[in-house]
Amino acid sequence: MQGVFRLEEQMPNIKSAKKRMVLSGKARLRNRSERAKIRTAVKGVRATTSAKDAQEQLRSVVKLLDRAATKRLIHPNRVARVKSQLEKHARSLTS
């Protein structure tokens, strides 16, 4: 699997350690992808100038953020802070 193993790491001898190395590599790639998806979505909401578009995008971003907090991909307090900032931005567009 490409990208799962880091070149500077040693290959472990113990079977369970080998398995953990593979699984943690897969998880690292998955987590990186999820965080990138969230960052892109958040930037999209912040860049929006239309109130209607902001509300639609905000709904989907809140879903992504809540799921990330549930899975502990992002700290729940950070998720709460980002959601609050995005909602404040969306409200500022309507007024």
PDB file of N, CA and C in Angstrom:
ATOM      1  N   MET A   1       0.824  -1.179   0.000  1.00  0.00           N
ATOM      2  CA  MET A   1       0.000   0.000   0.000  1.00  0.00           C
ATOM      3  C   MET A   1       0.866   1.239   0.000  1.00  0.00           C
ATOM      4  N   GLN A   2       0.626   2.108  -0.931  1.00  0.00           N
ATOM      5  CA  GLN A   2       1.444   3.297  -1.035  1.00  0.00           C
ATOM      6  C   GLN A   2       1.062   4.312   0.030  1.00  0.00           C
ATOM      7  N   GLY A   3       2.038   4.894   0.682  1.00  0.00           N
ATOM      8  CA  GLY A   3       1.781   5.929   1.665  1.00  0.00           C
ATOM      9  C   GLY A   3       1.507   5.429   3.070  1.00  0.00           C
ATOM     10  N   VAL A   4       1.370   4.120   3.259  1.00  0.00           N
ATOM     11  CA  VAL A   4       1.068   3.605   4.591  1.00  0.00           C
ATOM     12  C   VAL A   4       2.339   3.522   5.426  1.00  0.00           C
ATOM     13  N   PHE A   5       3.422   3.086   4.831  1.00  0.00           N
ATOM     14  CA  PHE A   5       4.673   2.935   5.557  1.00  0.00           C
ATOM     15  C   PHE A   5       5.530   4.176   5.366  1.00  0.00           C
ATOM     16  N   ARG A   6       6.171   4.593   6.437  1.00  0.00           N
ATOM     17  CA  ARG A   6       7.115   5.695   6.344  1.00  0.00           C
ATOM     18  C   ARG A   6       8.494   5.097   6.131  1.00  0.00           C
ATOM     19  N   LEU A   7       9.291   5.740   5.309  1.00  0.00           N
ATOM     20  CA  LEU A   7      10.585   5.185   4.945  1.00  0.00           C
ATOM     21  C   LEU A   7      11.560   5.140   6.116  1.00  0.00           C
ATOM     22  N   GLU A   8      11.486   6.112   7.027  1.00  0.00           N
ATOM     23  CA  GLU A   8      12.465   6.169   8.101  1.00  0.00           C
ATOM     24  C   GLU A   8      12.176   5.193   9.234  1.00  0.00           C
ATOM     25  N   GLU A   9      10.997   4.555   9.227  1.00  0.00           N
ATOM     26  CA  GLU A   9      10.638   3.639  10.306  1.00  0.00           C
ATOM     27  C   GLU A   9      11.268   2.265  10.092  1.00  0.00           C
ATOM     28  N   GLN A  10      11.514   1.598  11.198  1.00  0.00           N
ATOM     29  CA  GLN A  10      11.992   0.226  11.162  1.00  0.00           C
ATOM     30  C   GLN A  10      10.788  -0.701  11.101  1.00  0.00           C
ATOM     31  N   MET A  11      10.952  -1.846  10.483  1.00  0.00           N
ATOM     32  CA  MET A  11       9.877  -2.828  10.445  1.00  0.00           C
ATOM     33  C   MET A  11       9.912  -3.607  11.756  1.00  0.00           C
ATOM     34  N   PRO A  12       8.799  -3.643  12.479  1.00  0.00           N
ATOM     35  CA  PRO A  12       8.793  -4.379  13.748  1.00  0.00           C
ATOM     36  C   PRO A  12       8.862  -5.890  13.534  1.00  0.00           C
ATOM     37  N   ASN A  13       9.301  -6.605  14.562  1.00  0.00           N
ATOM     38  CA  ASN A  13       9.390  -8.059  14.491  1.00  0.00           C
ATOM     39  C   ASN A  13       8.121  -8.735  14.990  1.00  0.00           C
ATOM     40  N   ILE A  14       7.441  -8.100  15.914  1.00  0.00           N
ATOM     41  CA  ILE A  14       6.261  -8.706  16.529  1.00  0.00           C
ATOM     42  C   ILE A  14       5.058  -8.521  15.616  1.00  0.00           C
ATOM     43  N   LYS A  15       4.292  -9.592  15.469  1.00  0.00           N
ATOM     44  CA  LYS A  15       3.168  -9.603  14.539  1.00  0.00           C
ATOM     45  C   LYS A  15       2.145  -8.514  14.853  1.00  0.00           C
ATOM     46  N   SER A  16       1.807  -8.359  16.129  1.00  0.00           N
ATOM     47  CA  SER A  16       0.807  -7.353  16.503  1.00  0.00           C
ATOM     48  C   SER A  16       1.328  -5.942  16.243  1.00  0.00           C
ATOM     49  N   ALA A  17       2.626  -5.741  16.401  1.00  0.00           N
ATOM     50  CA  ALA A  17       3.217  -4.427  16.140  1.00  0.00           C
ATOM     51  C   ALA A  17       3.186  -4.116  14.649  1.00  0.00           C
ATOM     52  N   LYS A  18       3.413  -5.143  13.813  1.00  0.00           N
ATOM     53  CA  LYS A  18       3.311  -4.959  12.358  1.00  0.00           C
ATOM     54  C   LYS A  18       1.896  -4.553  11.981  1.00  0.00           C
ATOM     55  N   LYS A  19       0.926  -5.240  12.585  1.00  0.00           N
ATOM     56  CA  LYS A  19      -0.479  -4.943  12.292  1.00  0.00           C
ATOM     57  C   LYS A  19      -0.820  -3.517  12.726  1.00  0.00           C
ATOM     58  N   ARG A  20      -0.374  -3.123  13.913  1.00  0.00           N
ATOM     59  CA  ARG A  20      -0.656  -1.771  14.398  1.00  0.00           C
ATOM     60  C   ARG A  20      -0.033  -0.726  13.479  1.00  0.00           C
ATOM     61  N   MET A  21       1.151  -1.029  12.945  1.00  0.00           N
ATOM     62  CA  MET A  21       1.816  -0.094  12.052  1.00  0.00           C
ATOM     63  C   MET A  21       0.993   0.111  10.784  1.00  0.00           C
ATOM     64  N   VAL A  22       0.490  -0.980  10.228  1.00  0.00           N
ATOM     65  CA  VAL A  22      -0.329  -0.894   9.016  1.00  0.00           C
ATOM     66  C   VAL A  22      -1.622  -0.149   9.316  1.00  0.00           C
ATOM     67  N   LEU A  23      -2.290  -0.523  10.409  1.00  0.00           N
ATOM     68  CA  LEU A  23      -3.570   0.099  10.743  1.00  0.00           C
ATOM     69  C   LEU A  23      -3.413   1.583  11.068  1.00  0.00           C
ATOM     70  N   SER A  24      -2.365   1.936  11.788  1.00  0.00           N
ATOM     71  CA  SER A  24      -2.179   3.351  12.120  1.00  0.00           C
ATOM     72  C   SER A  24      -1.827   4.156  10.876  1.00  0.00           C
ATOM     73  N   GLY A  25      -1.123   3.531   9.934  1.00  0.00           N
ATOM     74  CA  GLY A  25      -0.833   4.204   8.664  1.00  0.00           C
ATOM     75  C   GLY A  25      -2.098   4.478   7.872  1.00  0.00           C
ATOM     76  N   LYS A  26      -2.979   3.482   7.816  1.00  0.00           N
ATOM     77  CA  LYS A  26      -4.257   3.666   7.116  1.00  0.00           C
ATOM     78  C   LYS A  26      -5.092   4.743   7.800  1.00  0.00           C
ATOM     79  N   ALA A  27      -5.125   4.706   9.125  1.00  0.00           N
ATOM     80  CA  ALA A  27      -5.904   5.692   9.883  1.00  0.00           C
ATOM     81  C   ALA A  27      -5.343   7.090   9.668  1.00  0.00           C
ATOM     82  N   ARG A  28      -4.017   7.210   9.632  1.00  0.00           N
ATOM     83  CA  ARG A  28      -3.389   8.512   9.421  1.00  0.00           C
ATOM     84  C   ARG A  28      -3.811   9.103   8.079  1.00  0.00           C
ATOM     85  N   LEU A  29      -3.800   8.271   7.037  1.00  0.00           N
ATOM     86  CA  LEU A  29      -4.210   8.746   5.715  1.00  0.00           C
ATOM     87  C   LEU A  29      -5.685   9.130   5.700  1.00  0.00           C
ATOM     88  N   ARG A  30      -6.508   8.312   6.336  1.00  0.00           N
ATOM     89  CA  ARG A  30      -7.951   8.591   6.378  1.00  0.00           C
ATOM     90  C   ARG A  30      -8.221   9.882   7.146  1.00  0.00           C
ATOM     91  N   ASN A  31      -7.558  10.046   8.296  1.00  0.00           N
ATOM     92  CA  ASN A  31      -7.755  11.243   9.114  1.00  0.00           C
ATOM     93  C   ASN A  31      -7.288  12.497   8.383  1.00  0.00           C
ATOM     94  N   ARG A  32      -6.163  12.385   7.692  1.00  0.00           N
ATOM     95  CA  ARG A  32      -5.639  13.530   6.949  1.00  0.00           C
ATOM     96  C   ARG A  32      -6.634  13.958   5.875  1.00  0.00           C
ATOM     97  N   SER A  33      -7.206  12.980   5.192  1.00  0.00           N
ATOM     98  CA  SER A  33      -8.187  13.264   4.148  1.00  0.00           C
ATOM     99  C   SER A  33      -9.432  13.927   4.724  1.00  0.00           C
ATOM    100  N   GLU A  34      -9.922  13.401   5.847  1.00  0.00           N
ATOM    101  CA  GLU A  34     -11.123  13.966   6.476  1.00  0.00           C
ATOM    102  C   GLU A  34     -10.877  15.393   6.955  1.00  0.00           C
ATOM    103  N   ARG A  35      -9.722  15.627   7.580  1.00  0.00           N
ATOM    104  CA  ARG A  35      -9.424  16.978   8.060  1.00  0.00           C
ATOM    105  C   ARG A  35      -9.298  17.960   6.902  1.00  0.00           C
ATOM    106  N   ALA A  36      -8.705  17.514   5.798  1.00  0.00           N
ATOM    107  CA  ALA A  36      -8.576  18.383   4.623  1.00  0.00           C
ATOM    108  C   ALA A  36      -9.950  18.724   4.057  1.00  0.00           C
ATOM    109  N   LYS A  37     -10.834  17.729   4.025  1.00  0.00           N
ATOM    110  CA  LYS A  37     -12.193  17.959   3.531  1.00  0.00           C
ATOM    111  C   LYS A  37     -12.912  18.997   4.391  1.00  0.00           C
ATOM    112  N   ILE A  38     -12.736  18.888   5.699  1.00  0.00           N
ATOM    113  CA  ILE A  38     -13.378  19.827   6.623  1.00  0.00           C
ATOM    114  C   ILE A  38     -12.801  21.229   6.444  1.00  0.00           C
ATOM    115  N   ARG A  39     -11.475  21.330   6.359  1.00  0.00           N
ATOM    116  CA  ARG A  39     -10.843  22.645   6.185  1.00  0.00           C
ATOM    117  C   ARG A  39     -11.333  23.325   4.916  1.00  0.00           C
ATOM    118  N   THR A  40     -11.441  22.569   3.824  1.00  0.00           N
ATOM    119  CA  THR A  40     -11.911  23.121   2.557  1.00  0.00           C
ATOM    120  C   THR A  40     -13.346  23.609   2.678  1.00  0.00           C
ATOM    121  N   ALA A  41     -14.192  22.829   3.338  1.00  0.00           N
ATOM    122  CA  ALA A  41     -15.594  23.209   3.498  1.00  0.00           C
ATOM    123  C   ALA A  41     -15.724  24.465   4.353  1.00  0.00           C
ATOM    124  N   VAL A  42     -14.932  24.563   5.417  1.00  0.00           N
ATOM    125  CA  VAL A  42     -14.978  25.738   6.292  1.00  0.00           C
ATOM    126  C   VAL A  42     -14.529  26.977   5.523  1.00  0.00           C
ATOM    127  N   LYS A  43     -13.477  26.841   4.731  1.00  0.00           N
ATOM    128  CA  LYS A  43     -13.008  27.972   3.926  1.00  0.00           C
ATOM    129  C   LYS A  43     -14.083  28.417   2.944  1.00  0.00           C
ATOM    130  N   GLY A  44     -14.833  27.450   2.413  1.00  0.00           N
ATOM    131  CA  GLY A  44     -15.905  27.781   1.483  1.00  0.00           C
ATOM    132  C   GLY A  44     -16.978  28.630   2.129  1.00  0.00           C
ATOM    133  N   VAL A  45     -17.347  28.297   3.360  1.00  0.00           N
ATOM    134  CA  VAL A  45     -18.365  29.086   4.073  1.00  0.00           C
ATOM    135  C   VAL A  45     -17.824  30.481   4.364  1.00  0.00           C
ATOM    136  N   ARG A  46     -16.577  30.558   4.795  1.00  0.00           N
ATOM    137  CA  ARG A  46     -15.999  31.866   5.133  1.00  0.00           C
ATOM    138  C   ARG A  46     -15.857  32.758   3.903  1.00  0.00           C
ATOM    139  N   ALA A  47     -15.662  32.159   2.734  1.00  0.00           N
ATOM    140  CA  ALA A  47     -15.489  32.938   1.510  1.00  0.00           C
ATOM    141  C   ALA A  47     -16.822  33.363   0.901  1.00  0.00           C
ATOM    142  N   THR A  48     -17.914  32.778   1.348  1.00  0.00           N
ATOM    143  CA  THR A  48     -19.220  33.066   0.778  1.00  0.00           C
ATOM    144  C   THR A  48     -19.670  34.471   1.149  1.00  0.00           C
ATOM    145  N   THR A  49     -20.255  35.165   0.157  1.00  0.00           N
ATOM    146  CA  THR A  49     -20.777  36.510   0.403  1.00  0.00           C
ATOM    147  C   THR A  49     -22.297  36.541   0.339  1.00  0.00           C
ATOM    148  N   SER A  50     -22.908  35.472  -0.125  1.00  0.00           N
ATOM    149  CA  SER A  50     -24.365  35.396  -0.215  1.00  0.00           C
ATOM    150  C   SER A  50     -24.921  34.713   1.034  1.00  0.00           C
ATOM    151  N   ALA A  51     -25.949  35.304   1.619  1.00  0.00           N
ATOM    152  CA  ALA A  51     -26.536  34.752   2.848  1.00  0.00           C
ATOM    153  C   ALA A  51     -27.160  33.388   2.597  1.00  0.00           C
ATOM    154  N   LYS A  52     -27.839  33.240   1.468  1.00  0.00           N
ATOM    155  CA  LYS A  52     -28.509  31.972   1.160  1.00  0.00           C
ATOM    156  C   LYS A  52     -27.479  30.849   0.987  1.00  0.00           C
ATOM    157  N   ASP A  53     -26.426  31.135   0.218  1.00  0.00           N
ATOM    158  CA  ASP A  53     -25.375  30.131   0.016  1.00  0.00           C
ATOM    159  C   ASP A  53     -24.685  29.784   1.333  1.00  0.00           C
ATOM    160  N   ALA A  54     -24.464  30.794   2.152  1.00  0.00           N
ATOM    161  CA  ALA A  54     -23.792  30.559   3.434  1.00  0.00           C
ATOM    162  C   ALA A  54     -24.616  29.627   4.313  1.00  0.00           C
ATOM    163  N   GLN A  55     -25.933  29.826   4.353  1.00  0.00           N
ATOM    164  CA  GLN A  55     -26.795  28.965   5.171  1.00  0.00           C
ATOM    165  C   GLN A  55     -26.765  27.524   4.671  1.00  0.00           C
ATOM    166  N   GLU A  56     -26.807  27.340   3.350  1.00  0.00           N
ATOM    167  CA  GLU A  56     -26.782  25.981   2.782  1.00  0.00           C
ATOM    168  C   GLU A  56     -25.456  25.296   3.080  1.00  0.00           C
ATOM    169  N   GLN A  57     -24.367  26.017   2.851  1.00  0.00           N
ATOM    170  CA  GLN A  57     -23.051  25.431   3.094  1.00  0.00           C
ATOM    171  C   GLN A  57     -22.827  25.187   4.584  1.00  0.00           C
ATOM    172  N   LEU A  58     -23.337  26.096   5.400  1.00  0.00           N
ATOM    173  CA  LEU A  58     -23.164  25.964   6.848  1.00  0.00           C
ATOM    174  C   LEU A  58     -23.789  24.675   7.358  1.00  0.00           C
ATOM    175  N   ARG A  59     -24.946  24.322   6.819  1.00  0.00           N
ATOM    176  CA  ARG A  59     -25.633  23.101   7.252  1.00  0.00           C
ATOM    177  C   ARG A  59     -24.747  21.876   7.006  1.00  0.00           C
ATOM    178  N   SER A  60     -24.134  21.799   5.824  1.00  0.00           N
ATOM    179  CA  SER A  60     -23.297  20.633   5.519  1.00  0.00           C
ATOM    180  C   SER A  60     -21.995  20.651   6.322  1.00  0.00           C
ATOM    181  N   VAL A  61     -21.441  21.839   6.544  1.00  0.00           N
ATOM    182  CA  VAL A  61     -20.196  21.938   7.308  1.00  0.00           C
ATOM    183  C   VAL A  61     -20.426  21.543   8.764  1.00  0.00           C
ATOM    184  N   VAL A  62     -21.562  21.945   9.321  1.00  0.00           N
ATOM    185  CA  VAL A  62     -21.871  21.590  10.710  1.00  0.00           C
ATOM    186  C   VAL A  62     -21.969  20.076  10.852  1.00  0.00           C
ATOM    187  N   LYS A  63     -22.545  19.419   9.851  1.00  0.00           N
ATOM    188  CA  LYS A  63     -22.608  17.948   9.878  1.00  0.00           C
ATOM    189  C   LYS A  63     -21.208  17.348   9.924  1.00  0.00           C
ATOM    190  N   LEU A  64     -20.336  17.836   9.027  1.00  0.00           N
ATOM    191  CA  LEU A  64     -18.965  17.323   8.984  1.00  0.00           C
ATOM    192  C   LEU A  64     -18.249  17.561  10.316  1.00  0.00           C
ATOM    193  N   LEU A  65     -18.408  18.758  10.857  1.00  0.00           N
ATOM    194  CA  LEU A  65     -17.731  19.091  12.113  1.00  0.00           C
ATOM    195  C   LEU A  65     -18.242  18.238  13.269  1.00  0.00           C
ATOM    196  N   ASP A  66     -19.561  18.055  13.340  1.00  0.00           N
ATOM    197  CA  ASP A  66     -20.120  17.252  14.432  1.00  0.00           C
ATOM    198  C   ASP A  66     -19.644  15.807  14.352  1.00  0.00           C
ATOM    199  N   ARG A  67     -19.577  15.276  13.139  1.00  0.00           N
ATOM    200  CA  ARG A  67     -19.102  13.903  12.971  1.00  0.00           C
ATOM    201  C   ARG A  67     -17.633  13.805  13.383  1.00  0.00           C
ATOM    202  N   ALA A  68     -16.832  14.814  13.021  1.00  0.00           N
ATOM    203  CA  ALA A  68     -15.414  14.822  13.391  1.00  0.00           C
ATOM    204  C   ALA A  68     -15.245  14.897  14.907  1.00  0.00           C
ATOM    205  N   ALA A  69     -16.106  15.665  15.573  1.00  0.00           N
ATOM    206  CA  ALA A  69     -16.026  15.771  17.035  1.00  0.00           C
ATOM    207  C   ALA A  69     -16.425  14.456  17.682  1.00  0.00           C
ATOM    208  N   THR A  70     -17.450  13.803  17.138  1.00  0.00           N
ATOM    209  CA  THR A  70     -17.900  12.523  17.682  1.00  0.00           C
ATOM    210  C   THR A  70     -16.806  11.471  17.576  1.00  0.00           C
ATOM    211  N   LYS A  71     -16.094  11.473  16.456  1.00  0.00           N
ATOM    212  CA  LYS A  71     -15.024  10.496  16.243  1.00  0.00           C
ATOM    213  C   LYS A  71     -13.703  10.942  16.866  1.00  0.00           C
ATOM    214  N   ARG A  72     -13.707  12.128  17.518  1.00  0.00           N
ATOM    215  CA  ARG A  72     -12.512  12.700  18.144  1.00  0.00           C
ATOM    216  C   ARG A  72     -11.415  12.988  17.128  1.00  0.00           C
ATOM    217  N   LEU A  73     -11.811  13.225  15.889  1.00  0.00           N
ATOM    218  CA  LEU A  73     -10.864  13.614  14.853  1.00  0.00           C
ATOM    219  C   LEU A  73     -10.391  15.042  15.123  1.00  0.00           C
ATOM    220  N   ILE A  74     -11.318  15.870  15.596  1.00  0.00           N
ATOM    221  CA  ILE A  74     -11.035  17.244  16.004  1.00  0.00           C
ATOM    222  C   ILE A  74     -11.601  17.397  17.411  1.00  0.00           C
ATOM    223  N   HIS A  75     -10.921  18.153  18.245  1.00  0.00           N
ATOM    224  CA  HIS A  75     -11.383  18.325  19.623  1.00  0.00           C
ATOM    225  C   HIS A  75     -12.760  18.993  19.634  1.00  0.00           C
ATOM    226  N   PRO A  76     -13.676  18.483  20.447  1.00  0.00           N
ATOM    227  CA  PRO A  76     -15.045  19.033  20.474  1.00  0.00           C
ATOM    228  C   PRO A  76     -15.117  20.528  20.783  1.00  0.00           C
ATOM    229  N   ASN A  77     -14.213  21.029  21.625  1.00  0.00           N
ATOM    230  CA  ASN A  77     -14.220  22.466  21.917  1.00  0.00           C
ATOM    231  C   ASN A  77     -13.839  23.280  20.686  1.00  0.00           C
ATOM    232  N   ARG A  78     -12.917  22.770  19.908  1.00  0.00           N
ATOM    233  CA  ARG A  78     -12.521  23.461  18.677  1.00  0.00           C
ATOM    234  C   ARG A  78     -13.678  23.456  17.696  1.00  0.00           C
ATOM    235  N   VAL A  79     -14.377  22.328  17.609  1.00  0.00           N
ATOM    236  CA  VAL A  79     -15.537  22.229  16.719  1.00  0.00           C
ATOM    237  C   VAL A  79     -16.586  23.254  17.131  1.00  0.00           C
ATOM    238  N   ALA A  80     -16.836  23.370  18.429  1.00  0.00           N
ATOM    239  CA  ALA A  80     -17.819  24.338  18.922  1.00  0.00           C
ATOM    240  C   ALA A  80     -17.401  25.760  18.558  1.00  0.00           C
ATOM    241  N   ARG A  81     -16.124  26.059  18.697  1.00  0.00           N
ATOM    242  CA  ARG A  81     -15.626  27.400  18.386  1.00  0.00           C
ATOM    243  C   ARG A  81     -15.783  27.718  16.901  1.00  0.00           C
ATOM    244  N   VAL A  82     -15.414  26.774  16.040  1.00  0.00           N
ATOM    245  CA  VAL A  82     -15.509  26.990  14.594  1.00  0.00           C
ATOM    246  C   VAL A  82     -16.964  27.139  14.174  1.00  0.00           C
ATOM    247  N   LYS A  83     -17.841  26.289  14.725  1.00  0.00           N
ATOM    248  CA  LYS A  83     -19.270  26.396  14.402  1.00  0.00           C
ATOM    249  C   LYS A  83     -19.805  27.764  14.799  1.00  0.00           C
ATOM    250  N   SER A  84     -19.423  28.234  15.966  1.00  0.00           N
ATOM    251  CA  SER A  84     -19.871  29.539  16.442  1.00  0.00           C
ATOM    252  C   SER A  84     -19.387  30.653  15.512  1.00  0.00           C
ATOM    253  N   GLN A  85     -18.133  30.575  15.098  1.00  0.00           N
ATOM    254  CA  GLN A  85     -17.579  31.588  14.199  1.00  0.00           C
ATOM    255  C   GLN A  85     -18.298  31.583  12.856  1.00  0.00           C
ATOM    256  N   LEU A  86     -18.581  30.388  12.335  1.00  0.00           N
ATOM    257  CA  LEU A  86     -19.252  30.292  11.041  1.00  0.00           C
ATOM    258  C   LEU A  86     -20.685  30.799  11.125  1.00  0.00           C
ATOM    259  N   GLU A  87     -21.373  30.482  12.220  1.00  0.00           N
ATOM    260  CA  GLU A  87     -22.744  30.964  12.389  1.00  0.00           C
ATOM    261  C   GLU A  87     -22.764  32.486  12.514  1.00  0.00           C
ATOM    262  N   LYS A  88     -21.781  33.028  13.198  1.00  0.00           N
ATOM    263  CA  LYS A  88     -21.674  34.484  13.328  1.00  0.00           C
ATOM    264  C   LYS A  88     -21.458  35.111  11.951  1.00  0.00           C
ATOM    265  N   HIS A  89     -20.616  34.491  11.140  1.00  0.00           N
ATOM    266  CA  HIS A  89     -20.362  34.989   9.784  1.00  0.00           C
ATOM    267  C   HIS A  89     -21.635  34.941   8.945  1.00  0.00           C
ATOM    268  N   ALA A  90     -22.369  33.840   9.039  1.00  0.00           N
ATOM    269  CA  ALA A  90     -23.612  33.698   8.267  1.00  0.00           C
ATOM    270  C   ALA A  90     -24.642  34.743   8.703  1.00  0.00           C
ATOM    271  N   ARG A  91     -24.729  35.004  10.010  1.00  0.00           N
ATOM    272  CA  ARG A  91     -25.661  36.028  10.510  1.00  0.00           C
ATOM    273  C   ARG A  91     -25.270  37.417  10.025  1.00  0.00           C
ATOM    274  N   SER A  92     -23.971  37.677   9.933  1.00  0.00           N
ATOM    275  CA  SER A  92     -23.520  39.003   9.496  1.00  0.00           C
ATOM    276  C   SER A  92     -23.884  39.256   8.032  1.00  0.00           C
ATOM    277  N   LEU A  93     -24.018  38.189   7.256  1.00  0.00           N
ATOM    278  CA  LEU A  93     -24.388  38.347   5.846  1.00  0.00           C
ATOM    279  C   LEU A  93     -25.861  38.700   5.695  1.00  0.00           C
ATOM    280  N   THR A  94     -26.695  38.223   6.606  1.00  0.00           N
ATOM    281  CA  THR A  94     -28.130  38.485   6.496  1.00  0.00           C
ATOM    282  C   THR A  94     -28.472  39.904   6.921  1.00  0.00           C
ATOM    283  N   SER A  95     -27.709  40.473   7.853  1.00  0.00           N
ATOM    284  CA  SER A  95     -28.057  41.811   8.341  1.00  0.00           C
ATOM    285  C   SER A  95     -27.359  42.914   7.575  1.00  0.00           C
TER     286      SER A  95
END
